[in-house]
All heavy atoms as atom14 arrays in JSON, in Angstrom:
{
  "sequence": "WMQFDDAWVDQVARGLRACSCFTWIPLYWLSYNQMNNNLVSQA",
  "atom14_mask": [
    [1, 1, 1, 1, 1, 1, 1, 1, 1, 1, 1, 1, 1, 1],
    [1, 1, 1, 1, 1, 1, 1, 1, 0, 0, 0, 0, 0, 0],
    [1, 1, 1, 1, 1, 1, 1, 1, 1, 0, 0, 0, 0, 0],
    [1, 1, 1, 1, 1, 1, 1, 1, 1, 1, 1, 0, 0, 0],
    [1, 1, 1, 1, 1, 1, 1, 1, 0, 0, 0, 0, 0, 0],
    [1, 1, 1, 1, 1, 1, 1, 1, 0, 0, 0, 0, 0, 0],
    [1, 1, 1, 1, 1, 0, 0, 0, 0, 0, 0, 0, 0, 0],
    [1, 1, 1, 1, 1, 1, 1, 1, 1, 1, 1, 1, 1, 1],
    [1, 1, 1, 1, 1, 1, 1, 0, 0, 0, 0, 0, 0, 0],
    [1, 1, 1, 1, 1, 1, 1, 1, 0, 0, 0, 0, 0, 0],
    [1, 1, 1, 1, 1, 1, 1, 1, 1, 0, 0, 0, 0, 0],
    [1, 1, 1, 1, 1, 1, 1, 0, 0, 0, 0, 0, 0, 0],
    [1, 1, 1, 1, 1, 0, 0, 0, 0, 0, 0, 0, 0, 0],
    [1, 1, 1, 1, 1, 1, 1, 1, 1, 1, 1, 0, 0, 0],
    [1, 1, 1, 1, 0, 0, 0, 0, 0, 0, 0, 0, 0, 0],
    [1, 1, 1, 1, 1, 1, 1, 1, 0, 0, 0, 0, 0, 0],
    [1, 1, 1, 1, 1, 1, 1, 1, 1, 1, 1, 0, 0, 0],
    [1, 1, 1, 1, 1, 0, 0, 0, 0, 0, 0, 0, 0, 0],
    [1, 1, 1, 1, 1, 1, 0, 0, 0, 0, 0, 0, 0, 0],
    [1, 1, 1, 1, 1, 1, 0, 0, 0, 0, 0, 0, 0, 0],
    [1, 1, 1, 1, 1, 1, 0, 0, 0, 0, 0, 0, 0, 0],
    [1, 1, 1, 1, 1, 1, 1, 1, 1, 1, 1, 0, 0, 0],
    [1, 1, 1, 1, 1, 1, 1, 0, 0, 0, 0, 0, 0, 0],
    [1, 1, 1, 1, 1, 1, 1, 1, 1, 1, 1, 1, 1, 1],
    [1, 1, 1, 1, 1, 1, 1, 1, 0, 0, 0, 0, 0, 0],
    [1, 1, 1, 1, 1, 1, 1, 0, 0, 0, 0, 0, 0, 0],
    [1, 1, 1, 1, 1, 1, 1, 1, 0, 0, 0, 0, 0, 0],
    [1, 1, 1, 1, 1, 1, 1, 1, 1, 1, 1, 1, 0, 0],
    [1, 1, 1, 1, 1, 1, 1, 1, 1, 1, 1, 1, 1, 1],
    [1, 1, 1, 1, 1, 1, 1, 1, 0, 0, 0, 0, 0, 0],
    [1, 1, 1, 1, 1, 1, 0, 0, 0, 0, 0, 0, 0, 0],
    [1, 1, 1, 1, 1, 1, 1, 1, 1, 1, 1, 1, 0, 0],
    [1, 1, 1, 1, 1, 1, 1, 1, 0, 0, 0, 0, 0, 0],
    [1, 1, 1, 1, 1, 1, 1, 1, 1, 0, 0, 0, 0, 0],
    [1, 1, 1, 1, 1, 1, 1, 1, 0, 0, 0, 0, 0, 0],
    [1, 1, 1, 1, 1, 1, 1, 1, 0, 0, 0, 0, 0, 0],
    [1, 1, 1, 1, 1, 1, 1, 1, 0, 0, 0, 0, 0, 0],
    [1, 1, 1, 1, 1, 1, 1, 1, 0, 0, 0, 0, 0, 0],
    [1, 1, 1, 1, 1, 1, 1, 1, 0, 0, 0, 0, 0, 0],
    [1, 1, 1, 1, 1, 1, 1, 0, 0, 0, 0, 0, 0, 0],
    [1, 1, 1, 1, 1, 1, 0, 0, 0, 0, 0, 0, 0, 0],
    [1, 1, 1, 1, 1, 1, 1, 1, 1, 0, 0, 0, 0, 0],
    [1, 1, 1, 1, 1, 0, 0, 0, 0, 0, 0, 0, 0, 0]
  ],
  "atom14_positions": [
    [[-1.23, 8.99, 27.55], [-1.29, 7.87, 26.6], [0.09, 7.6, 25.98], [0.23, 6.57, 25.3], [-2.32, 8.14, 25.49], [-2.16, 9.47, 24.81], [-2.85, 10.61, 25.09], [-1.25, 9.75, 23.72], [-2.45, 11.61, 24.24], [-1.48, 11.14, 23.39], [-0.35, 9.07, 23.0], [-0.76, 11.77, 22.37], [0.36, 9.7, 21.99], [0.15, 11.01, 21.7]],
    [[1.04, 8.46, 26.19], [2.37, 8.27, 25.55], [3.2, 7.29, 26.38], [4.06, 7.68, 27.17], [3.11, 9.61, 25.38], [4.33, 9.57, 24.54], [5.02, 11.18, 24.15], [3.91, 11.66, 22.78], [0.0, 0.0, 0.0], [0.0, 0.0, 0.0], [0.0, 0.0, 0.0], [0.0, 0.0, 0.0], [0.0, 0.0, 0.0], [0.0, 0.0, 0.0]],
    [[2.92, 6.03, 26.23], [3.53, 4.98, 26.99], [4.59, 4.19, 26.17], [4.71, 3.03, 26.28], [2.48, 4.02, 27.53], [1.41, 4.69, 28.4], [0.29, 3.76, 28.78], [0.3, 2.57, 28.4], [-0.69, 4.25, 29.52], [0.0, 0.0, 0.0], [0.0, 0.0, 0.0], [0.0, 0.0, 0.0], [0.0, 0.0, 0.0], [0.0, 0.0, 0.0]],
    [[5.27, 4.92, 25.34], [6.3, 4.29, 24.45], [7.57, 5.13, 24.49], [7.6, 6.19, 25.1], [5.75, 4.2, 23.03], [5.04, 5.39, 22.54], [5.72, 6.52, 22.07], [3.62, 5.45, 22.51], [5.06, 7.61, 21.64], [2.97, 6.58, 22.07], [3.68, 7.69, 21.64], [0.0, 0.0, 0.0], [0.0, 0.0, 0.0], [0.0, 0.0, 0.0]],
    [[8.63, 4.62, 23.84], [9.89, 5.26, 23.86], [10.16, 6.0, 22.54], [9.35, 5.92, 21.59], [11.02, 4.25, 24.16], [10.96, 3.05, 23.24], [10.3, 3.13, 22.19], [11.55, 2.01, 23.57], [0.0, 0.0, 0.0], [0.0, 0.0, 0.0], [0.0, 0.0, 0.0], [0.0, 0.0, 0.0], [0.0, 0.0, 0.0], [0.0, 0.0, 0.0]],
    [[11.33, 6.67, 22.45], [11.67, 7.41, 21.25], [11.78, 6.52, 20.05], [11.42, 6.92, 18.92], [13.04, 8.16, 21.46], [12.87, 9.33, 22.41], [11.79, 9.56, 22.97], [13.87, 10.06, 22.64], [0.0, 0.0, 0.0], [0.0, 0.0, 0.0], [0.0, 0.0, 0.0], [0.0, 0.0, 0.0], [0.0, 0.0, 0.0], [0.0, 0.0, 0.0]],
    [[12.31, 5.32, 20.24], [12.49, 4.43, 19.11], [11.18, 4.06, 18.42], [11.14, 3.91, 17.19], [13.2, 3.13, 19.57], [0.0, 0.0, 0.0], [0.0, 0.0, 0.0], [0.0, 0.0, 0.0], [0.0, 0.0, 0.0], [0.0, 0.0, 0.0], [0.0, 0.0, 0.0], [0.0, 0.0, 0.0], [0.0, 0.0, 0.0], [0.0, 0.0, 0.0]],
    [[10.12, 3.94, 19.21], [8.82, 3.62, 18.61], [8.3, 4.76, 17.78], [7.64, 4.54, 16.76], [7.81, 3.27, 19.7], [6.57, 2.55, 19.16], [6.55, 1.28, 18.67], [5.27, 3.11, 19.04], [5.26, 0.99, 18.24], [4.45, 2.05, 18.46], [4.67, 4.3, 19.33], [3.1, 2.24, 18.22], [3.32, 4.46, 19.11], [2.53, 3.48, 18.55]],
    [[8.6, 6.01, 18.14], [8.22, 7.14, 17.33], [8.88, 7.05, 15.95], [8.25, 7.3, 14.91], [8.59, 8.48, 18.03], [8.26, 9.66, 17.12], [7.82, 8.59, 19.35], [0.0, 0.0, 0.0], [0.0, 0.0, 0.0], [0.0, 0.0, 0.0], [0.0, 0.0, 0.0], [0.0, 0.0, 0.0], [0.0, 0.0, 0.0], [0.0, 0.0, 0.0]],
    [[10.2, 6.72, 15.96], [10.89, 6.59, 14.68], [10.3, 5.44, 13.86], [10.21, 5.53, 12.62], [12.37, 6.3, 14.92], [13.16, 7.57, 15.3], [12.67, 8.66, 14.98], [14.19, 7.45, 15.91], [0.0, 0.0, 0.0], [0.0, 0.0, 0.0], [0.0, 0.0, 0.0], [0.0, 0.0, 0.0], [0.0, 0.0, 0.0], [0.0, 0.0, 0.0]],
    [[9.89, 4.37, 14.51], [9.3, 3.22, 13.79], [7.94, 3.56, 13.21], [7.62, 3.15, 12.11], [9.22, 2.01, 14.69], [10.56, 1.42, 15.05], [10.43, 0.12, 15.88], [9.31, -0.29, 16.18], [11.57, -0.45, 16.24], [0.0, 0.0, 0.0], [0.0, 0.0, 0.0], [0.0, 0.0, 0.0], [0.0, 0.0, 0.0], [0.0, 0.0, 0.0]],
    [[7.14, 4.35, 13.95], [5.84, 4.78, 13.44], [6.09, 5.68, 12.21], [5.37, 5.59, 11.2], [5.02, 5.55, 14.49], [3.82, 6.21, 13.87], [4.59, 4.53, 15.57], [0.0, 0.0, 0.0], [0.0, 0.0, 0.0], [0.0, 0.0, 0.0], [0.0, 0.0, 0.0], [0.0, 0.0, 0.0], [0.0, 0.0, 0.0], [0.0, 0.0, 0.0]],
    [[7.06, 6.58, 12.32], [7.4, 7.44, 11.18], [7.8, 6.6, 9.97], [7.4, 6.89, 8.83], [8.53, 8.39, 11.56], [0.0, 0.0, 0.0], [0.0, 0.0, 0.0], [0.0, 0.0, 0.0], [0.0, 0.0, 0.0], [0.0, 0.0, 0.0], [0.0, 0.0, 0.0], [0.0, 0.0, 0.0], [0.0, 0.0, 0.0], [0.0, 0.0, 0.0]],
    [[8.58, 5.55, 10.2], [8.99, 4.68, 9.11], [7.76, 3.91, 8.49], [7.64, 3.78, 7.3], [10.0, 3.64, 9.63], [10.53, 2.71, 8.54], [11.5, 1.72, 9.14], [10.88, 0.84, 10.12], [11.53, -0.1, 10.82], [12.84, -0.25, 10.64], [10.91, -0.83, 11.67], [0.0, 0.0, 0.0], [0.0, 0.0, 0.0], [0.0, 0.0, 0.0]],
    [[6.85, 3.47, 9.39], [5.67, 2.82, 8.87], [4.79, 3.72, 8.05], [4.24, 3.31, 7.02], [0.0, 0.0, 0.0], [0.0, 0.0, 0.0], [0.0, 0.0, 0.0], [0.0, 0.0, 0.0], [0.0, 0.0, 0.0], [0.0, 0.0, 0.0], [0.0, 0.0, 0.0], [0.0, 0.0, 0.0], [0.0, 0.0, 0.0], [0.0, 0.0, 0.0]],
    [[4.65, 4.99, 8.46], [3.86, 5.95, 7.72], [4.56, 6.28, 6.39], [3.9, 6.51, 5.37], [3.71, 7.22, 8.51], [2.7, 7.11, 9.69], [2.75, 8.37, 10.53], [1.34, 6.78, 9.25], [0.0, 0.0, 0.0], [0.0, 0.0, 0.0], [0.0, 0.0, 0.0], [0.0, 0.0, 0.0], [0.0, 0.0, 0.0], [0.0, 0.0, 0.0]],
    [[5.89, 6.24, 6.37], [6.61, 6.4, 5.13], [6.27, 5.3, 4.14], [6.08, 5.52, 2.94], [8.09, 6.46, 5.37], [8.95, 6.68, 4.12], [10.43, 6.63, 4.44], [10.89, 7.79, 5.21], [11.31, 8.92, 4.61], [11.35, 9.01, 3.31], [11.73, 9.93, 5.35], [0.0, 0.0, 0.0], [0.0, 0.0, 0.0], [0.0, 0.0, 0.0]],
    [[6.17, 4.04, 4.67], [5.79, 2.93, 3.81], [4.38, 3.1, 3.26], [4.13, 2.86, 2.09], [5.88, 1.6, 4.61], [0.0, 0.0, 0.0], [0.0, 0.0, 0.0], [0.0, 0.0, 0.0], [0.0, 0.0, 0.0], [0.0, 0.0, 0.0], [0.0, 0.0, 0.0], [0.0, 0.0, 0.0], [0.0, 0.0, 0.0], [0.0, 0.0, 0.0]],
    [[3.46, 3.58, 4.13], [2.08, 3.83, 3.65], [2.08, 4.89, 2.6], [1.28, 4.84, 1.65], [1.21, 4.23, 4.85], [0.92, 2.88, 6.03], [0.0, 0.0, 0.0], [0.0, 0.0, 0.0], [0.0, 0.0, 0.0], [0.0, 0.0, 0.0], [0.0, 0.0, 0.0], [0.0, 0.0, 0.0], [0.0, 0.0, 0.0], [0.0, 0.0, 0.0]],
    [[2.96, 5.89, 2.71], [3.06, 6.91, 1.69], [3.47, 6.31, 0.37], [2.98, 6.72, -0.69], [4.06, 7.99, 2.15], [4.32, 8.92, 1.1], [0.0, 0.0, 0.0], [0.0, 0.0, 0.0], [0.0, 0.0, 0.0], [0.0, 0.0, 0.0], [0.0, 0.0, 0.0], [0.0, 0.0, 0.0], [0.0, 0.0, 0.0], [0.0, 0.0, 0.0]],
    [[4.37, 5.35, 0.41], [4.82, 4.68, -0.81], [3.69, 3.95, -1.49], [3.61, 3.87, -2.74], [5.94, 3.68, -0.5], [7.49, 4.4, 0.0], [0.0, 0.0, 0.0], [0.0, 0.0, 0.0], [0.0, 0.0, 0.0], [0.0, 0.0, 0.0], [0.0, 0.0, 0.0], [0.0, 0.0, 0.0], [0.0, 0.0, 0.0], [0.0, 0.0, 0.0]],
    [[2.74, 3.45, -0.72], [1.65, 2.63, -1.26], [0.57, 3.44, -1.95], [-0.3, 2.94, -2.56], [1.0, 1.77, -0.16], [1.94, 0.83, 0.51], [1.67, 0.33, 1.76], [3.12, 0.42, -0.13], [2.51, -0.56, 2.39], [4.0, -0.45, 0.54], [3.72, -0.94, 1.77], [0.0, 0.0, 0.0], [0.0, 0.0, 0.0], [0.0, 0.0, 0.0]],
    [[0.66, 4.81, -1.79], [-0.36, 5.66, -2.33], [-0.54, 5.48, -3.88], [-1.68, 5.63, -4.41], [-0.03, 7.15, -2.07], [0.09, 7.32, -0.66], [-1.08, 8.11, -2.6], [0.0, 0.0, 0.0], [0.0, 0.0, 0.0], [0.0, 0.0, 0.0], [0.0, 0.0, 0.0], [0.0, 0.0, 0.0], [0.0, 0.0, 0.0], [0.0, 0.0, 0.0]],
    [[0.51, 5.17, -4.54], [0.47, 5.07, -6.02], [0.07, 3.66, -6.53], [-0.21, 3.45, -7.7], [1.83, 5.38, -6.65], [2.26, 6.79, -6.31], [3.13, 7.17, -5.32], [1.81, 8.0, -6.96], [3.27, 8.56, -5.33], [2.46, 9.09, -6.34], [0.92, 8.26, -7.97], [2.26, 10.38, -6.69], [0.72, 9.57, -8.37], [1.39, 10.64, -7.74]],
    [[0.03, 2.71, -5.6], [-0.18, 1.27, -5.99], [-1.49, 0.99, -6.7], [-1.56, 0.13, -7.57], [0.0, 0.38, -4.77], [1.46, 0.47, -4.24], [-0.33, -1.06, -5.09], [2.53, 0.09, -5.26], [0.0, 0.0, 0.0], [0.0, 0.0, 0.0], [0.0, 0.0, 0.0], [0.0, 0.0, 0.0], [0.0, 0.0, 0.0], [0.0, 0.0, 0.0]],
    [[-2.59, 1.74, -6.37], [-3.86, 1.47, -7.12], [-3.7, 1.56, -8.63], [-4.41, 0.81, -9.32], [-4.77, 2.58, -6.6], [-4.31, 2.82, -5.2], [-2.82, 2.69, -5.29], [0.0, 0.0, 0.0], [0.0, 0.0, 0.0], [0.0, 0.0, 0.0], [0.0, 0.0, 0.0], [0.0, 0.0, 0.0], [0.0, 0.0, 0.0], [0.0, 0.0, 0.0]],
    [[-2.81, 2.4, -9.13], [-2.66, 2.47, -10.6], [-2.01, 1.24, -11.13], [-2.24, 0.87, -12.29], [-1.8, 3.71, -10.94], [-2.43, 5.09, -10.56], [-1.5, 6.2, -10.96], [-3.76, 5.23, -11.21], [0.0, 0.0, 0.0], [0.0, 0.0, 0.0], [0.0, 0.0, 0.0], [0.0, 0.0, 0.0], [0.0, 0.0, 0.0], [0.0, 0.0, 0.0]],
    [[-1.25, 0.56, -10.34], [-0.67, -0.75, -10.73], [-1.77, -1.8, -10.75], [-1.89, -2.59, -11.73], [0.43, -1.21, -9.83], [0.85, -2.62, -9.99], [1.71, -2.98, -11.05], [0.34, -3.67, -9.21], [2.04, -4.33, -11.27], [0.68, -4.98, -9.38], [1.53, -5.31, -10.44], [1.88, -6.61, -10.65], [0.0, 0.0, 0.0], [0.0, 0.0, 0.0]],
    [[-2.58, -1.84, -9.71], [-3.6, -2.91, -9.63], [-4.66, -2.76, -10.69], [-5.37, -3.72, -11.02], [-4.23, -2.9, -8.24], [-3.36, -3.37, -7.14], [-2.96, -2.66, -6.03], [-2.75, -4.67, -7.03], [-2.13, -3.45, -5.23], [-1.99, -4.66, -5.83], [-2.78, -5.8, -7.8], [-1.25, -5.75, -5.41], [-2.04, -6.89, -7.37], [-1.28, -6.88, -6.22]],
    [[-4.86, -1.59, -11.28], [-5.8, -1.45, -12.38], [-5.42, -2.39, -13.5], [-6.31, -3.01, -14.13], [-5.79, -0.03, -12.9], [-6.58, 1.05, -12.12], [-6.42, 2.41, -12.75], [-8.07, 0.7, -12.06], [0.0, 0.0, 0.0], [0.0, 0.0, 0.0], [0.0, 0.0, 0.0], [0.0, 0.0, 0.0], [0.0, 0.0, 0.0], [0.0, 0.0, 0.0]],
    [[-4.17, -2.53, -13.78], [-3.71, -3.45, -14.86], [-3.93, -4.9, -14.39], [-4.44, -5.7, -15.16], [-2.2, -3.22, -15.16], [-2.01, -1.93, -15.64], [0.0, 0.0, 0.0], [0.0, 0.0, 0.0], [0.0, 0.0, 0.0], [0.0, 0.0, 0.0], [0.0, 0.0, 0.0], [0.0, 0.0, 0.0], [0.0, 0.0, 0.0], [0.0, 0.0, 0.0]],
    [[-3.51, -5.19, -13.2], [-3.64, -6.56, -12.71], [-5.09, -7.02, -12.74], [-5.4, -8.17, -13.09], [-3.08, -6.63, -11.29], [-3.25, -7.98, -10.61], [-2.28, -8.98, -10.77], [-4.38, -8.31, -9.86], [-2.4, -10.22, -10.17], [-4.54, -9.54, -9.26], [-3.56, -10.47, -9.43], [-3.72, -11.71, -8.86], [0.0, 0.0, 0.0], [0.0, 0.0, 0.0]],
    [[-6.02, -6.17, -12.33], [-7.4, -6.56, -12.22], [-8.05, -6.88, -13.58], [-9.15, -7.5, -13.59], [-8.21, -5.47, -11.51], [-7.85, -5.32, -10.06], [-7.34, -6.28, -9.44], [-8.09, -4.15, -9.5], [0.0, 0.0, 0.0], [0.0, 0.0, 0.0], [0.0, 0.0, 0.0], [0.0, 0.0, 0.0], [0.0, 0.0, 0.0], [0.0, 0.0, 0.0]],
    [[-7.46, -6.51, -14.68], [-8.02, -6.85, -15.97], [-8.03, -8.35, -16.21], [-8.83, -8.88, -16.96], [-7.2, -6.16, -17.1], [-7.2, -4.68, -17.08], [-8.59, -4.08, -17.21], [-9.34, -4.44, -18.05], [-8.91, -3.17, -16.29], [0.0, 0.0, 0.0], [0.0, 0.0, 0.0], [0.0, 0.0, 0.0], [0.0, 0.0, 0.0], [0.0, 0.0, 0.0]],
    [[-7.11, -9.08, -15.49], [-7.1, -10.55, -15.67], [-8.28, -11.24, -15.05], [-8.66, -12.35, -15.46], [-5.8, -11.09, -14.95], [-4.5, -10.66, -15.53], [-3.13, -11.61, -14.86], [-3.37, -11.38, -13.11], [0.0, 0.0, 0.0], [0.0, 0.0, 0.0], [0.0, 0.0, 0.0], [0.0, 0.0, 0.0], [0.0, 0.0, 0.0], [0.0, 0.0, 0.0]],
    [[-8.93, -10.55, -14.07], [-10.04, -11.21, -13.37], [-11.36, -11.17, -14.11], [-12.29, -11.85, -13.73], [-10.21, -10.55, -11.98], [-9.01, -10.68, -11.1], [-8.28, -11.66, -11.21], [-8.79, -9.71, -10.22], [0.0, 0.0, 0.0], [0.0, 0.0, 0.0], [0.0, 0.0, 0.0], [0.0, 0.0, 0.0], [0.0, 0.0, 0.0], [0.0, 0.0, 0.0]],
    [[-11.41, -10.34, -15.14], [-12.71, -10.24, -15.84], [-12.55, -9.95, -17.33], [-12.88, -10.81, -18.17], [-13.58, -9.16, -15.19], [-12.76, -8.0, -14.64], [-12.14, -7.28, -15.39], [-12.76, -7.82, -13.33], [0.0, 0.0, 0.0], [0.0, 0.0, 0.0], [0.0, 0.0, 0.0], [0.0, 0.0, 0.0], [0.0, 0.0, 0.0], [0.0, 0.0, 0.0]],
    [[-11.99, -8.81, -17.72], [-12.02, -8.41, -19.1], [-11.16, -9.34, -19.99], [-11.53, -9.67, -21.11], [-11.54, -6.98, -19.27], [-12.61, -6.0, -18.89], [-13.78, -6.27, -19.04], [-12.23, -4.81, -18.37], [0.0, 0.0, 0.0], [0.0, 0.0, 0.0], [0.0, 0.0, 0.0], [0.0, 0.0, 0.0], [0.0, 0.0, 0.0], [0.0, 0.0, 0.0]],
    [[-10.02, -9.77, -19.49], [-9.17, -10.67, -20.28], [-9.83, -12.06, -20.43], [-9.64, -12.74, -21.41], [-7.77, -10.77, -19.72], [-6.86, -9.6, -19.96], [-5.5, -9.81, -19.26], [-6.64, -9.34, -21.43], [0.0, 0.0, 0.0], [0.0, 0.0, 0.0], [0.0, 0.0, 0.0], [0.0, 0.0, 0.0], [0.0, 0.0, 0.0], [0.0, 0.0, 0.0]],
    [[-10.59, -12.47, -19.39], [-11.31, -13.74, -19.48], [-12.37, -13.64, -20.56], [-12.55, -14.54, -21.36], [-11.93, -14.07, -18.1], [-12.82, -15.32, -18.23], [-10.86, -14.32, -17.07], [0.0, 0.0, 0.0], [0.0, 0.0, 0.0], [0.0, 0.0, 0.0], [0.0, 0.0, 0.0], [0.0, 0.0, 0.0], [0.0, 0.0, 0.0], [0.0, 0.0, 0.0]],
    [[-13.1, -12.49, -20.6], [-14.09, -12.32, -21.6], [-13.48, -12.15, -22.99], [-14.04, -12.64, -23.99], [-14.91, -11.03, -21.27], [-15.59, -11.18, -20.01], [0.0, 0.0, 0.0], [0.0, 0.0, 0.0], [0.0, 0.0, 0.0], [0.0, 0.0, 0.0], [0.0, 0.0, 0.0], [0.0, 0.0, 0.0], [0.0, 0.0, 0.0], [0.0, 0.0, 0.0]],
    [[-12.31, -11.53, -23.06], [-11.61, -11.4, -24.35], [-11.28, -12.76, -24.91], [-11.45, -13.04, -26.11], [-10.33, -10.57, -24.17], [-9.6, -10.31, -25.45], [-8.24, -9.66, -25.21], [-7.31, -10.32, -24.74], [-8.11, -8.39, -25.55], [0.0, 0.0, 0.0], [0.0, 0.0, 0.0], [0.0, 0.0, 0.0], [0.0, 0.0, 0.0], [0.0, 0.0, 0.0]],
    [[-10.86, -13.67, -24.03], [-10.51, -15.01, -24.5], [-11.71, -15.73, -25.1], [-11.53, -16.51, -26.07], [-9.95, -15.83, -23.32], [0.0, 0.0, 0.0], [0.0, 0.0, 0.0], [0.0, 0.0, 0.0], [0.0, 0.0, 0.0], [0.0, 0.0, 0.0], [0.0, 0.0, 0.0], [0.0, 0.0, 0.0], [0.0, 0.0, 0.0], [0.0, 0.0, 0.0]]
  ]
}
């Protein structure tokens, strides 16, 4: 199944690094999501 070259391995590693960066993003979206409901009700 290994039908790719060395460069693609490096690119997959880079893509997984990006996914690692996204691990913390849910804590940001908790703030953003307040606009969709609670801040509307607050108004």
